[in-house]
Amino acid sequence: MDFTKITKPEMQVVGIEARTKNDLEANPVTAKIPGLWSRFFREKRAEEIDYRKDASSLLGAYTNYESDHTGFYTLIVGAEVSELGMISKGMVGITIPAAEYLVFPAPGKMPEAIIIAWSNIWKHFSQKAAYQRAYTTDFELYRTTDDGQTEAEIYIAVR
């Protein structure tokens, strides 16, 4: 699987959150992630995020890992901001520390492309990989191109 290794500076994210784990996400009855994204768009929460750095991008930040890919984590659906100023009711703000990341592309139609990319990432790290996951904060970065398409990459914090 292709990836690029980069160092990213500290960043701030504002959005709405849910606590879940991958076992729950595998079952449509208990999955929270699709509903969280749906709510974000339905309630037009992006319009409530002050100090957005880039109006054409959104983030899905995975943080507060209980353990590894089998434990609970918090997903924040939102956007990167230049500062954590006024945060709308029902939203949260976090600071993601500077870190080393492996960046995995997720080409194709959403959300299938993200699901396939995560599957490949889990497979990559289940083998003897040169880098180990840090389980600090990982994120999906979605960009809308000039022609209205969505491009995505997944950033995995490593140690």
Foldseek 3Di string as FASTA:
>chain_A
DDWDKDWDAKWKWKAAKDKDAPVLCVDPVRRDVVVRVVCCVVVVCQVVDPQAPDPFKKKWKWAPFPDDNGGMTMTGTTGIGPDDDDHDPNMDMDMDHIAMWIKAWQDDDPPVSVVVRVVVVVVQQVDPHPWHFPRHMKMKMWGQDPVRDITIMIITGTD
